[in-house]
């Protein structure tokens, strides 16, 4: 394989395996925790723990990844995932669940950030196509994960699900076998999207290694507080990043419902674990089916209209969980949110990659994923609080309104870009 192929398959392999593991682990953990003697508030805190610390340190993770190399950061992430799942095999107290979720959450953010960033280093004008293809493959991971988790649970128990998660996390190390060795990547010396005027976003070097390791001469020494400053400067000066992070917030909020409160909601409606896994997989299947049409939709209607329509479809589906709680209504709602989130995931990644230089790609991805983790942190707390007041069924409708406002604001930001089009087909 040539260098671009190796970069694509390394990132796509890691990203697909990440989603497979995440979608296998989190829904099963949701069902496992709901069967223990925890209150809805305690369950909300356990869910939020997976994203709170990662939310605080996402910028630092992206900042460090730009220096030590994306594949090295990916290995660190795998180590956190293994450690967290190992603890889960021996303890099941409330505070241990918080520690487990924190470790697993840090591991997830490191692996997902690194795998996405590796794919964005594909050169030769193939970046957009590579991102679209990666998103297509990751949807298969999202589809297979809950099905595999349900299969293991049905044959054994929750403990074997967690053991499988830990064992398969080691497979992330195979990225080292796929990545190109000591290859040179041309630098991005100009921003690739209108609105990117930050000096922070300018290139600091002529070349980078294939594992995207940045030297001290190319980057200032790492500073915990300084990384927030650099990230803030990049965010405030770049309307493309602002739009991508707001879109990602809405997307991540809805996606986190799929693996947290949706399983609990379906369990309350008397669905079995196997049926719940199939419905979660249906969400991923809808995403798989729609993604090949993303290019034509964008070329025909533009990025802004396509993104707006996808967000609207997602919100309609989310509202459907409240107003159509029967079996057919649940299926239709899941298909709607699957289509909407399936379109928006590659759109957000592509927009961010076009809005950052290669030397700041990890930091840019960190900003996007910081928005994701903020949504994942707010999601369980918001749904937990509203569930205490109006019940879980109505809580889906309650959170739809603020999500609609966030979506409208992201559309406003996206409309400011002079070049909102993304072409998935041209090299």
Foldseek 3Di string as FASTA:
>chain_A
DDQLVLLLCLLLVLLQLLLLLVLLQQLLVQVVVVPDPDDLQLLLLLLLLLQDVCLLCLLVLLVVCLAPFLLVLLVVLLVLLLVLLVLVLPDDDSVNSSVSSNSNSSSSSSSNLSSLLSLLLNDDPQSLLSLLVSLLSSLVSQLNNLQVSLVQCVVPHSNVSSVVSNVSSVVSNCSVVRHDPFDKGAWDQDFQFPQQDFPLQGFQDGIAGSRNHDDCSSDPDDDSVVSVVSLVRRQVRHLLLVLLQLLLLLLLLLVLCLSHVQSVLVVVVVDDSNRSSNLSSLLSVLLSVQSVCLQVCCVVPNQLVLLLVLSVLLLVLLLLLQVPVDPVSPSSSSSSNSNSSSNSPSLSSVSQSSGGISSCSSSSSSSSVSSSSVSSSVNSVQLSVVCVPPRNSCSSVVVSVVSVVSSVVSSVSLVPIPDRGDHNPDD
